[in-house]
Amino acid sequence: MPYGVRMQDSFSAAGGDGLPEVTERLISQIRPVCKEGRIELEEVSIVYDPVWKVQVTEQIHVNHQCAEETVYLIDFIPEQAQKVFAAEFICSSGQENL
């Protein structure tokens, strides 16, 4: 049985009028594999609403030990303005890894 967690962000425009233009960004040290409606990061799948377009960018980052490492910027960009971003992080390997 898979285990997981649900993340949800809500957005509002300054002054409360209309919807803001928002990009939700996650950063990973694991190279993501994009599939229909989900992103796979080794044993974790991120399941999201398909109203969000996904864009992955590879970037070199200098870590706390002053060493360069590759990170992956996972941007969720709405096709139309949205009030909520929600994603489920599902672990496929079982509870022992949580």
PDB file of N, CA and C in Angstrom:
ATOM      1  N   MET A   1       0.844  -1.183   0.000  1.00  0.00           N
ATOM      2  CA  MET A   1       0.000   0.000   0.000  1.00  0.00           C
ATOM      3  C   MET A   1       0.892   1.250   0.000  1.00  0.00           C
ATOM      4  N   PRO A   2       0.667   2.190  -0.902  1.00  0.00           N
ATOM      5  CA  PRO A   2       1.493   3.399  -0.943  1.00  0.00           C
ATOM      6  C   PRO A   2       1.142   4.356   0.206  1.00  0.00           C
ATOM      7  N   TYR A   3       2.123   5.144   0.616  1.00  0.00           N
ATOM      8  CA  TYR A   3       1.946   6.146   1.656  1.00  0.00           C
ATOM      9  C   TYR A   3       2.281   7.499   1.060  1.00  0.00           C
ATOM     10  N   GLY A   4       1.724   8.561   1.646  1.00  0.00           N
ATOM     11  CA  GLY A   4       2.034   9.860   1.076  1.00  0.00           C
ATOM     12  C   GLY A   4       1.548  11.014   1.919  1.00  0.00           C
ATOM     13  N   VAL A   5       1.697  12.189   1.345  1.00  0.00           N
ATOM     14  CA  VAL A   5       1.279  13.426   1.985  1.00  0.00           C
ATOM     15  C   VAL A   5       0.709  14.349   0.912  1.00  0.00           C
ATOM     16  N   ARG A   6      -0.248  15.186   1.297  1.00  0.00           N
ATOM     17  CA  ARG A   6      -0.850  16.142   0.365  1.00  0.00           C
ATOM     18  C   ARG A   6      -0.406  17.543   0.762  1.00  0.00           C
ATOM     19  N   MET A   7       0.042  18.317  -0.227  1.00  0.00           N
ATOM     20  CA  MET A   7       0.441  19.704  -0.029  1.00  0.00           C
ATOM     21  C   MET A   7      -0.545  20.586  -0.787  1.00  0.00           C
ATOM     22  N   GLN A   8      -0.959  21.689  -0.154  1.00  0.00           N
ATOM     23  CA  GLN A   8      -1.875  22.609  -0.834  1.00  0.00           C
ATOM     24  C   GLN A   8      -1.498  24.045  -0.494  1.00  0.00           C
ATOM     25  N   ASP A   9      -1.404  24.899  -1.516  1.00  0.00           N
ATOM     26  CA  ASP A   9      -1.172  26.329  -1.360  1.00  0.00           C
ATOM     27  C   ASP A   9      -2.379  27.064  -1.924  1.00  0.00           C
ATOM     28  N   SER A  10      -2.785  28.122  -1.230  1.00  0.00           N
ATOM     29  CA  SER A  10      -3.874  28.973  -1.713  1.00  0.00           C
ATOM     30  C   SER A  10      -3.304  30.342  -2.040  1.00  0.00           C
ATOM     31  N   PHE A  11      -3.853  30.984  -3.065  1.00  0.00           N
ATOM     32  CA  PHE A  11      -3.328  32.259  -3.543  1.00  0.00           C
ATOM     33  C   PHE A  11      -4.440  33.299  -3.613  1.00  0.00           C
ATOM     34  N   SER A  12      -4.073  34.553  -3.389  1.00  0.00           N
ATOM     35  CA  SER A  12      -4.994  35.664  -3.614  1.00  0.00           C
ATOM     36  C   SER A  12      -4.184  36.859  -4.096  1.00  0.00           C
ATOM     37  N   ALA A  13      -4.813  37.682  -4.891  1.00  0.00           N
ATOM     38  CA  ALA A  13      -4.136  38.864  -5.434  1.00  0.00           C
ATOM     39  C   ALA A  13      -4.069  39.945  -4.361  1.00  0.00           C
ATOM     40  N   ALA A  14      -3.106  40.825  -4.500  1.00  0.00           N
ATOM     41  CA  ALA A  14      -2.997  41.955  -3.584  1.00  0.00           C
ATOM     42  C   ALA A  14      -4.301  42.740  -3.629  1.00  0.00           C
ATOM     43  N   GLY A  15      -4.841  43.081  -2.491  1.00  0.00           N
ATOM     44  CA  GLY A  15      -6.107  43.799  -2.440  1.00  0.00           C
ATOM     45  C   GLY A  15      -7.312  42.880  -2.550  1.00  0.00           C
ATOM     46  N   GLY A  16      -7.069  41.580  -2.797  1.00  0.00           N
ATOM     47  CA  GLY A  16      -8.164  40.617  -2.851  1.00  0.00           C
ATOM     48  C   GLY A  16      -8.944  40.592  -4.148  1.00  0.00           C
ATOM     49  N   ASP A  17      -8.540  41.368  -5.160  1.00  0.00           N
ATOM     50  CA  ASP A  17      -9.273  41.406  -6.427  1.00  0.00           C
ATOM     51  C   ASP A  17      -8.599  40.517  -7.457  1.00  0.00           C
ATOM     52  N   GLY A  18      -9.362  39.654  -8.082  1.00  0.00           N
ATOM     53  CA  GLY A  18      -8.843  38.809  -9.152  1.00  0.00           C
ATOM     54  C   GLY A  18      -7.938  37.718  -8.626  1.00  0.00           C
ATOM     55  N   LEU A  19      -7.254  37.066  -9.555  1.00  0.00           N
ATOM     56  CA  LEU A  19      -6.342  35.979  -9.213  1.00  0.00           C
ATOM     57  C   LEU A  19      -4.922  36.359  -9.606  1.00  0.00           C
ATOM     58  N   PRO A  20      -3.955  36.015  -8.779  1.00  0.00           N
ATOM     59  CA  PRO A  20      -2.565  36.357  -9.097  1.00  0.00           C
ATOM     60  C   PRO A  20      -1.997  35.398 -10.136  1.00  0.00           C
ATOM     61  N   GLU A  21      -0.958  35.853 -10.822  1.00  0.00           N
ATOM     62  CA  GLU A  21      -0.209  34.955 -11.692  1.00  0.00           C
ATOM     63  C   GLU A  21       0.865  34.311 -10.825  1.00  0.00           C
ATOM     64  N   VAL A  22       0.798  32.992 -10.705  1.00  0.00           N
ATOM     65  CA  VAL A  22       1.648  32.277  -9.770  1.00  0.00           C
ATOM     66  C   VAL A  22       2.359  31.138 -10.478  1.00  0.00           C
ATOM     67  N   THR A  23       3.617  30.926 -10.117  1.00  0.00           N
ATOM     68  CA  THR A  23       4.334  29.713 -10.483  1.00  0.00           C
ATOM     69  C   THR A  23       4.726  29.030  -9.188  1.00  0.00           C
ATOM     70  N   GLU A  24       4.308  27.792  -9.016  1.00  0.00           N
ATOM     71  CA  GLU A  24       4.686  27.011  -7.837  1.00  0.00           C
ATOM     72  C   GLU A  24       5.979  26.275  -8.183  1.00  0.00           C
ATOM     73  N   ARG A  25       7.019  26.399  -7.350  1.00  0.00           N
ATOM     74  CA  ARG A  25       8.321  25.803  -7.662  1.00  0.00           C
ATOM     75  C   ARG A  25       8.744  24.832  -6.568  1.00  0.00           C
ATOM     76  N   LEU A  26       9.149  23.644  -6.998  1.00  0.00           N
ATOM     77  CA  LEU A  26       9.786  22.670  -6.122  1.00  0.00           C
ATOM     78  C   LEU A  26      11.212  22.491  -6.635  1.00  0.00           C
ATOM     79  N   ILE A  27      12.140  22.201  -5.731  1.00  0.00           N
ATOM     80  CA  ILE A  27      13.540  22.002  -6.107  1.00  0.00           C
ATOM     81  C   ILE A  27      13.960  20.614  -5.643  1.00  0.00           C
ATOM     82  N   SER A  28      14.618  19.882  -6.531  1.00  0.00           N
ATOM     83  CA  SER A  28      15.017  18.511  -6.229  1.00  0.00           C
ATOM     84  C   SER A  28      16.464  18.280  -6.623  1.00  0.00           C
ATOM     85  N   GLN A  29      17.136  17.430  -5.859  1.00  0.00           N
ATOM     86  CA  GLN A  29      18.469  16.965  -6.245  1.00  0.00           C
ATOM     87  C   GLN A  29      18.365  15.708  -7.092  1.00  0.00           C
ATOM     88  N   ILE A  30      17.176  15.150  -7.192  1.00  0.00           N
ATOM     89  CA  ILE A  30      16.918  13.952  -7.996  1.00  0.00           C
ATOM     90  C   ILE A  30      16.343  14.386  -9.335  1.00  0.00           C
ATOM     91  N   ARG A  31      16.871  13.835 -10.429  1.00  0.00           N
ATOM     92  CA  ARG A  31      16.371  14.182 -11.761  1.00  0.00           C
ATOM     93  C   ARG A  31      14.923  13.692 -11.901  1.00  0.00           C
ATOM     94  N   PRO A  32      13.984  14.614 -12.150  1.00  0.00           N
ATOM     95  CA  PRO A  32      12.589  14.207 -12.285  1.00  0.00           C
ATOM     96  C   PRO A  32      12.304  13.569 -13.638  1.00  0.00           C
ATOM     97  N   VAL A  33      11.363  12.635 -13.632  1.00  0.00           N
ATOM     98  CA  VAL A  33      10.858  12.024 -14.859  1.00  0.00           C
ATOM     99  C   VAL A  33       9.397  12.437 -14.971  1.00  0.00           C
ATOM    100  N   CYS A  34       9.071  13.211 -16.004  1.00  0.00           N
ATOM    101  CA  CYS A  34       7.711  13.713 -16.185  1.00  0.00           C
ATOM    102  C   CYS A  34       6.875  12.688 -16.936  1.00  0.00           C
ATOM    103  N   LYS A  35       5.723  12.382 -16.356  1.00  0.00           N
ATOM    104  CA  LYS A  35       4.741  11.485 -16.969  1.00  0.00           C
ATOM    105  C   LYS A  35       3.410  12.221 -17.002  1.00  0.00           C
ATOM    106  N   GLU A  36       2.416  11.625 -17.608  1.00  0.00           N
ATOM    107  CA  GLU A  36       1.087  12.240 -17.696  1.00  0.00           C
ATOM    108  C   GLU A  36       0.487  12.409 -16.300  1.00  0.00           C
ATOM    109  N   GLY A  37       0.346  13.652 -15.833  1.00  0.00           N
ATOM    110  CA  GLY A  37      -0.287  13.941 -14.555  1.00  0.00           C
ATOM    111  C   GLY A  37       0.544  13.654 -13.323  1.00  0.00           C
ATOM    112  N   ARG A  38       1.817  13.293 -13.501  1.00  0.00           N
ATOM    113  CA  ARG A  38       2.662  13.030 -12.340  1.00  0.00           C
ATOM    114  C   ARG A  38       4.138  13.223 -12.698  1.00  0.00           C
ATOM    115  N   ILE A  39       4.925  13.387 -11.668  1.00  0.00           N
ATOM    116  CA  ILE A  39       6.370  13.494 -11.803  1.00  0.00           C
ATOM    117  C   ILE A  39       6.969  12.429 -10.900  1.00  0.00           C
ATOM    118  N   GLU A  40       7.921  11.678 -11.408  1.00  0.00           N
ATOM    119  CA  GLU A  40       8.554  10.632 -10.615  1.00  0.00           C
ATOM    120  C   GLU A  40       9.946  11.072 -10.189  1.00  0.00           C
ATOM    121  N   LEU A  41      10.196  10.933  -8.884  1.00  0.00           N
ATOM    122  CA  LEU A  41      11.505  11.204  -8.288  1.00  0.00           C
ATOM    123  C   LEU A  41      11.912   9.924  -7.560  1.00  0.00           C
ATOM    124  N   GLU A  42      12.531   9.020  -8.283  1.00  0.00           N
ATOM    125  CA  GLU A  42      12.898   7.701  -7.764  1.00  0.00           C
ATOM    126  C   GLU A  42      11.662   7.013  -7.187  1.00  0.00           C
ATOM    127  N   GLU A  43      11.583   6.843  -5.853  1.00  0.00           N
ATOM    128  CA  GLU A  43      10.475   6.096  -5.257  1.00  0.00           C
ATOM    129  C   GLU A  43       9.285   6.970  -4.862  1.00  0.00           C
ATOM    130  N   VAL A  44       9.322   8.257  -5.212  1.00  0.00           N
ATOM    131  CA  VAL A  44       8.233   9.171  -4.884  1.00  0.00           C
ATOM    132  C   VAL A  44       7.624   9.706  -6.169  1.00  0.00           C
ATOM    133  N   SER A  45       6.292   9.690  -6.225  1.00  0.00           N
ATOM    134  CA  SER A  45       5.567  10.298  -7.339  1.00  0.00           C
ATOM    135  C   SER A  45       4.852  11.538  -6.831  1.00  0.00           C
ATOM    136  N   ILE A  46       4.922  12.611  -7.608  1.00  0.00           N
ATOM    137  CA  ILE A  46       4.166  13.825  -7.305  1.00  0.00           C
ATOM    138  C   ILE A  46       3.001  13.848  -8.285  1.00  0.00           C
ATOM    139  N   VAL A  47       1.792  13.751  -7.758  1.00  0.00           N
ATOM    140  CA  VAL A  47       0.584  13.753  -8.578  1.00  0.00           C
ATOM    141  C   VAL A  47      -0.038  15.137  -8.456  1.00  0.00           C
ATOM    142  N   TYR A  48      -0.379  15.746  -9.595  1.00  0.00           N
ATOM    143  CA  TYR A  48      -0.880  17.122  -9.597  1.00  0.00           C
ATOM    144  C   TYR A  48      -2.022  17.266 -10.597  1.00  0.00           C
ATOM    145  N   ASP A  49      -2.768  18.354 -10.458  1.00  0.00           N
ATOM    146  CA  ASP A  49      -3.881  18.664 -11.361  1.00  0.00           C
ATOM    147  C   ASP A  49      -3.313  19.072 -12.720  1.00  0.00           C
ATOM    148  N   PRO A  50      -3.809  18.475 -13.806  1.00  0.00           N
ATOM    149  CA  PRO A  50      -3.261  18.793 -15.131  1.00  0.00           C
ATOM    150  C   PRO A  50      -3.557  20.209 -15.637  1.00  0.00           C
ATOM    151  N   VAL A  51      -4.273  21.045 -14.865  1.00  0.00           N
ATOM    152  CA  VAL A  51      -4.411  22.448 -15.270  1.00  0.00           C
ATOM    153  C   VAL A  51      -3.083  23.182 -15.113  1.00  0.00           C
ATOM    154  N   TRP A  52      -2.128  22.540 -14.436  1.00  0.00           N
ATOM    155  CA  TRP A  52      -0.796  23.105 -14.261  1.00  0.00           C
ATOM    156  C   TRP A  52       0.163  22.468 -15.268  1.00  0.00           C
ATOM    157  N   LYS A  53       0.857  23.294 -16.016  1.00  0.00           N
ATOM    158  CA  LYS A  53       1.888  22.831 -16.949  1.00  0.00           C
ATOM    159  C   LYS A  53       3.197  22.716 -16.163  1.00  0.00           C
ATOM    160  N   VAL A  54       3.974  21.676 -16.458  1.00  0.00           N
ATOM    161  CA  VAL A  54       5.235  21.466 -15.738  1.00  0.00           C
ATOM    162  C   VAL A  54       6.416  21.827 -16.637  1.00  0.00           C
ATOM    163  N   GLN A  55       7.355  22.556 -16.057  1.00  0.00           N
ATOM    164  CA  GLN A  55       8.590  22.904 -16.749  1.00  0.00           C
ATOM    165  C   GLN A  55       9.750  22.573 -15.805  1.00  0.00           C
ATOM    166  N   VAL A  56      10.707  21.784 -16.286  1.00  0.00           N
ATOM    167  CA  VAL A  56      11.866  21.396 -15.473  1.00  0.00           C
ATOM    168  C   VAL A  56      13.110  22.065 -16.045  1.00  0.00           C
ATOM    169  N   THR A  57      13.874  22.696 -15.164  1.00  0.00           N
ATOM    170  CA  THR A  57      15.115  23.359 -15.550  1.00  0.00           C
ATOM    171  C   THR A  57      16.248  22.809 -14.687  1.00  0.00           C
ATOM    172  N   GLU A  58      17.342  22.458 -15.326  1.00  0.00           N
ATOM    173  CA  GLU A  58      18.527  21.992 -14.612  1.00  0.00           C
ATOM    174  C   GLU A  58      19.393  23.207 -14.288  1.00  0.00           C
ATOM    175  N   GLN A  59      19.903  23.256 -13.054  1.00  0.00           N
ATOM    176  CA  GLN A  59      20.703  24.404 -12.640  1.00  0.00           C
ATOM    177  C   GLN A  59      21.849  23.929 -11.755  1.00  0.00           C
ATOM    178  N   ILE A  60      22.990  24.582 -11.870  1.00  0.00           N
ATOM    179  CA  ILE A  60      24.121  24.303 -10.998  1.00  0.00           C
ATOM    180  C   ILE A  60      23.977  25.195  -9.760  1.00  0.00           C
ATOM    181  N   HIS A  61      24.102  24.580  -8.594  1.00  0.00           N
ATOM    182  CA  HIS A  61      23.919  25.268  -7.318  1.00  0.00           C
ATOM    183  C   HIS A  61      25.176  25.038  -6.473  1.00  0.00           C
ATOM    184  N   VAL A  62      25.586  26.051  -5.731  1.00  0.00           N
ATOM    185  CA  VAL A  62      26.705  25.897  -4.809  1.00  0.00           C
ATOM    186  C   VAL A  62      26.120  25.600  -3.431  1.00  0.00           C
ATOM    187  N   ASN A  63      26.436  24.415  -2.887  1.00  0.00           N
ATOM    188  CA  ASN A  63      25.844  24.002  -1.616  1.00  0.00           C
ATOM    189  C   ASN A  63      26.581  24.612  -0.419  1.00  0.00           C
ATOM    190  N   HIS A  64      26.206  24.202   0.793  1.00  0.00           N
ATOM    191  CA  HIS A  64      26.789  24.766   2.015  1.00  0.00           C
ATOM    192  C   HIS A  64      28.255  24.399   2.211  1.00  0.00           C
ATOM    193  N   GLN A  65      28.738  23.389   1.496  1.00  0.00           N
ATOM    194  CA  GLN A  65      30.156  23.020   1.559  1.00  0.00           C
ATOM    195  C   GLN A  65      30.948  23.664   0.422  1.00  0.00           C
ATOM    196  N   CYS A  66      30.336  24.638  -0.255  1.00  0.00           N
ATOM    197  CA  CYS A  66      30.937  25.367  -1.384  1.00  0.00           C
ATOM    198  C   CYS A  66      31.238  24.447  -2.572  1.00  0.00           C
ATOM    199  N   ALA A  67      30.521  23.344  -2.673  1.00  0.00           N
ATOM    200  CA  ALA A  67      30.669  22.430  -3.813  1.00  0.00           C
ATOM    201  C   ALA A  67      29.502  22.630  -4.773  1.00  0.00           C
ATOM    202  N   GLU A  68      29.817  22.545  -6.056  1.00  0.00           N
ATOM    203  CA  GLU A  68      28.762  22.656  -7.065  1.00  0.00           C
ATOM    204  C   GLU A  68      28.008  21.343  -7.171  1.00  0.00           C
ATOM    205  N   GLU A  69      26.693  21.448  -7.307  1.00  0.00           N
ATOM    206  CA  GLU A  69      25.848  20.276  -7.511  1.00  0.00           C
ATOM    207  C   GLU A  69      24.713  20.651  -8.443  1.00  0.00           C
ATOM    208  N   THR A  70      24.175  19.667  -9.116  1.00  0.00           N
ATOM    209  CA  THR A  70      23.053  19.894 -10.022  1.00  0.00           C
ATOM    210  C   THR A  70      21.756  19.768  -9.249  1.00  0.00           C
ATOM    211  N   VAL A  71      20.885  20.752  -9.427  1.00  0.00           N
ATOM    212  CA  VAL A  71      19.536  20.688  -8.871  1.00  0.00           C
ATOM    213  C   VAL A  71      18.547  20.873 -10.018  1.00  0.00           C
ATOM    214  N   TYR A  72      17.315  20.466  -9.775  1.00  0.00           N
ATOM    215  CA  TYR A  72      16.269  20.533 -10.796  1.00  0.00           C
ATOM    216  C   TYR A  72      15.137  21.404 -10.270  1.00  0.00           C
ATOM    217  N   LEU A  73      14.846  22.477 -11.010  1.00  0.00           N
ATOM    218  CA  LEU A  73      13.752  23.373 -10.670  1.00  0.00           C
ATOM    219  C   LEU A  73      12.502  22.832 -11.360  1.00  0.00           C
ATOM    220  N   ILE A  74      11.515  22.460 -10.574  1.00  0.00           N
ATOM    221  CA  ILE A  74      10.264  21.912 -11.112  1.00  0.00           C
ATOM    222  C   ILE A  74       9.215  22.995 -10.951  1.00  0.00           C
ATOM    223  N   ASP A  75       8.869  23.646 -12.046  1.00  0.00           N
ATOM    224  CA  ASP A  75       7.898  24.741 -12.026  1.00  0.00           C
ATOM    225  C   ASP A  75       6.541  24.244 -12.489  1.00  0.00           C
ATOM    226  N   PHE A  76       5.527  24.562 -11.702  1.00  0.00           N
ATOM    227  CA  PHE A  76       4.136  24.294 -12.065  1.00  0.00           C
ATOM    228  C   PHE A  76       3.536  25.634 -12.462  1.00  0.00           C
ATOM    229  N   ILE A  77       3.143  25.756 -13.723  1.00  0.00           N
ATOM    230  CA  ILE A  77       2.648  27.011 -14.277  1.00  0.00           C
ATOM    231  C   ILE A  77       1.206  26.790 -14.705  1.00  0.00           C
ATOM    232  N   PRO A  78       0.254  27.586 -14.191  1.00  0.00           N
ATOM    233  CA  PRO A  78      -1.141  27.354 -14.537  1.00  0.00           C
ATOM    234  C   PRO A  78      -1.446  27.792 -15.969  1.00  0.00           C
ATOM    235  N   GLU A  79      -2.290  27.002 -16.634  1.00  0.00           N
ATOM    236  CA  GLU A  79      -2.762  27.397 -17.972  1.00  0.00           C
ATOM    237  C   GLU A  79      -3.640  28.640 -17.862  1.00  0.00           C
ATOM    238  N   GLN A  80      -4.413  28.719 -16.780  1.00  0.00           N
ATOM    239  CA  GLN A  80      -5.233  29.890 -16.449  1.00  0.00           C
ATOM    240  C   GLN A  80      -4.998  30.186 -14.972  1.00  0.00           C
ATOM    241  N   ALA A  81      -5.273  31.421 -14.542  1.00  0.00           N
ATOM    242  CA  ALA A  81      -5.060  31.791 -13.144  1.00  0.00           C
ATOM    243  C   ALA A  81      -5.813  30.834 -12.225  1.00  0.00           C
ATOM    244  N   GLN A  82      -5.160  30.423 -11.148  1.00  0.00           N
ATOM    245  CA  GLN A  82      -5.727  29.455 -10.201  1.00  0.00           C
ATOM    246  C   GLN A  82      -5.690  30.016  -8.783  1.00  0.00           C
ATOM    247  N   LYS A  83      -6.652  29.592  -7.949  1.00  0.00           N
ATOM    248  CA  LYS A  83      -6.676  29.985  -6.540  1.00  0.00           C
ATOM    249  C   LYS A  83      -5.890  29.012  -5.665  1.00  0.00           C
ATOM    250  N   VAL A  84      -5.735  27.759  -6.151  1.00  0.00           N
ATOM    251  CA  VAL A  84      -5.153  26.714  -5.317  1.00  0.00           C
ATOM    252  C   VAL A  84      -4.205  25.854  -6.144  1.00  0.00           C
ATOM    253  N   PHE A  85      -3.075  25.488  -5.538  1.00  0.00           N
ATOM    254  CA  PHE A  85      -2.207  24.460  -6.086  1.00  0.00           C
ATOM    255  C   PHE A  85      -2.197  23.329  -5.081  1.00  0.00           C
ATOM    256  N   ALA A  86      -2.440  22.101  -5.559  1.00  0.00           N
ATOM    257  CA  ALA A  86      -2.405  20.930  -4.688  1.00  0.00           C
ATOM    258  C   ALA A  86      -1.612  19.833  -5.373  1.00  0.00           C
ATOM    259  N   ALA A  87      -0.843  19.114  -4.578  1.00  0.00           N
ATOM    260  CA  ALA A  87      -0.074  17.985  -5.093  1.00  0.00           C
ATOM    261  C   ALA A  87      -0.013  16.914  -4.019  1.00  0.00           C
ATOM    262  N   GLU A  88       0.021  15.669  -4.456  1.00  0.00           N
ATOM    263  CA  GLU A  88       0.180  14.548  -3.537  1.00  0.00           C
ATOM    264  C   GLU A  88       1.538  13.920  -3.786  1.00  0.00           C
ATOM    265  N   PHE A  89       2.276  13.685  -2.721  1.00  0.00           N
ATOM    266  CA  PHE A  89       3.575  13.035  -2.780  1.00  0.00           C
ATOM    267  C   PHE A  89       3.362  11.605  -2.302  1.00  0.00           C
ATOM    268  N   ILE A  90       3.510  10.646  -3.195  1.00  0.00           N
ATOM    269  CA  ILE A  90       3.202   9.260  -2.882  1.00  0.00           C
ATOM    270  C   ILE A  90       4.478   8.433  -2.935  1.00  0.00           C
ATOM    271  N   CYS A  91       4.772   7.752  -1.839  1.00  0.00           N
ATOM    272  CA  CYS A  91       5.939   6.891  -1.738  1.00  0.00           C
ATOM    273  C   CYS A  91       5.529   5.487  -2.147  1.00  0.00           C
ATOM    274  N   SER A  92       6.217   4.915  -3.121  1.00  0.00           N
ATOM    275  CA  SER A  92       5.842   3.592  -3.628  1.00  0.00           C
ATOM    276  C   SER A  92       6.543   2.461  -2.925  1.00  0.00           C
ATOM    277  N   SER A  93       7.524   2.758  -2.067  1.00  0.00           N
ATOM    278  CA  SER A  93       8.330   1.685  -1.490  1.00  0.00           C
ATOM    279  C   SER A  93       7.821   1.175  -0.148  1.00  0.00           C
ATOM    280  N   GLY A  94       6.877   1.856   0.476  1.00  0.00           N
ATOM    281  CA  GLY A  94       6.357   1.408   1.750  1.00  0.00           C
ATOM    282  C   GLY A  94       6.722   2.329   2.889  1.00  0.00           C
ATOM    283  N   GLN A  95       6.097   2.131   4.025  1.00  0.00           N
ATOM    284  CA  GLN A  95       6.212   2.999   5.176  1.00  0.00           C
ATOM    285  C   GLN A  95       7.619   3.037   5.779  1.00  0.00           C
ATOM    286  N   GLU A  96       8.397   2.000   5.636  1.00  0.00           N
ATOM    287  CA  GLU A  96       9.708   1.964   6.275  1.00  0.00           C
ATOM    288  C   GLU A  96      10.637   3.081   5.800  1.00  0.00           C
ATOM    289  N   ASN A  97      10.356   3.692   4.635  1.00  0.00           N
ATOM    290  CA  ASN A  97      11.209   4.764   4.109  1.00  0.00           C
ATOM    291  C   ASN A  97      10.700   6.153   4.436  1.00  0.00           C
ATOM    292  N   LEU A  98       9.600   6.257   5.149  1.00  0.00           N
ATOM    293  CA  LEU A  98       9.072   7.585   5.487  1.00  0.00           C
ATOM    294  C   LEU A  98       9.710   8.126   6.728  1.00  0.00           C
TER     295      LEU A  98
END
